């Protein structure tokens, strides 16, 4: 099997002037390929926080339970443990009571959790979710508080507050050892709701105050908008008014970003710019210590959900192009200081699936294998890095390659994540501020596909190890040859 190659050249040289003053989430367009790495830590949030997953409760009924039980299959537990991010519990958060997802799993009432769906029983409920979190070794829980109503009928404010507090007490008592996040509503500014920013801020504040009274350790997260909605103020104005109307202490704000599939997914540079602008807006508000969480993201299947043929393009979320897009986005996120974490949409959620259950077996899809690859890379501390790239792939974003560097937990190694869209060899010069030991053998793995990128399906992905025959060292240079159309992780010894 032959793959195109990327050549990485590691140099122990000084960095280009002005690197630390520039936006490192922007790939610089150039005539060559280069990654400049500094020793500057970008964020206190660990790399693994970028590798979370959103889970709709009804998706668990698509083969994720061990037969005859409401316990999640061990293959899913192992995946979540490997990825290491937060699992966000969702589904009908604005339409149903949390009580419909509690108590005996087989006695729960059927509820209408979405306008397009019929009544369903919430078998993967609060207890089942917390069991999965515990079994996977996670340290945090993430719930969405209903600040709207039941089946699109608004709750009185007092009822909403009482229900939010009761839910918080139940989670507090069942998960005393976890860091407990509470997202206050979900996409209430769009769709059948269309709430103005003042209403969102005011109701979120009431619910948040009730939650904090019930659980003073709760971490509150407030949703913001990520695009210019035709029936709302422009994005920046909408978010500013939400920020001004939140009257409770919050740990963070949330956004949903989809990418690389018009109409619902602009290019990754466009989306990263939106995130950077919003992070700056939060930093300049009275909530300046709050982090930004991307609580849903994924590659968008090209087109609109109303198109008859849109479902036929669902594979684009998980083919090789989709995997590279997802990696590109995550690598870009790692270079935005205000980003605290992210959750890929989702475990089993329509077009977006981390696990494949076809035939009764559990297999990781392309993006599932990606999260596992990145999660087991050892990356921990996010370092300021800058990529310069040509654009042989003719990607609309203007580049072939994006990379980001990290230190491991013990700060003994550098870890580099690299997404490569190029179908041809792309020699990359890696400057490392004299951080690398050039006399030590680098380790690495690449996620590739044995089919053309758009034809790649779950069974066609492969993880190939770095062969030392691919590595040459001479004249103080370290060259590493990586596959084209790939996502790679490198582990390099750090200068002590």
Foldseek 3Di string as FASTA:
>chain_A
DDFFKAKEKEFADDDDPPLVVDQQLAAAADPAKAKEFDPDFQAPFWLLQALAFEDEQVLCVVQQDDPPDLAGDVVVLQLCLLLQHAYAYDFLQQAAALVLQDDDQVPRWFADSDPVDDTDRRNCHDVNVVVSCVSSPHQAYHYEQHLAYHRRDGDDLVVSQVSLLVVLLVCCVVCVRHQYEYEYDDPQCDDPRVDQLLVQLQSSQSNVVSNCVNPVSYAYEYEAEQAQDPSYHGRLVRRLSSLVSHDDQHQAYEYEAEADAPPRHHHLVVSLVSVLVVLVSCCPGPNNNHAYEHAEYFYQQHDDPPDPCSLVRLCCRFFLVNLLRVLSNSQSLLSRSRHNYYHYHHCRDRSGHQWDCPPSDTFGTRNSVVSSQVSNLQFTGWTRMHIYAQCQVVPPSGGFKDKTWGAGPVSFKIKMKMRGQDSHYHYYYYHYNQFFDLVDQKWKKKWDFPDPRSPGIRVGIDIGIFDCVQWDDDPSMIMGMDGHSIIMMMITGTDD
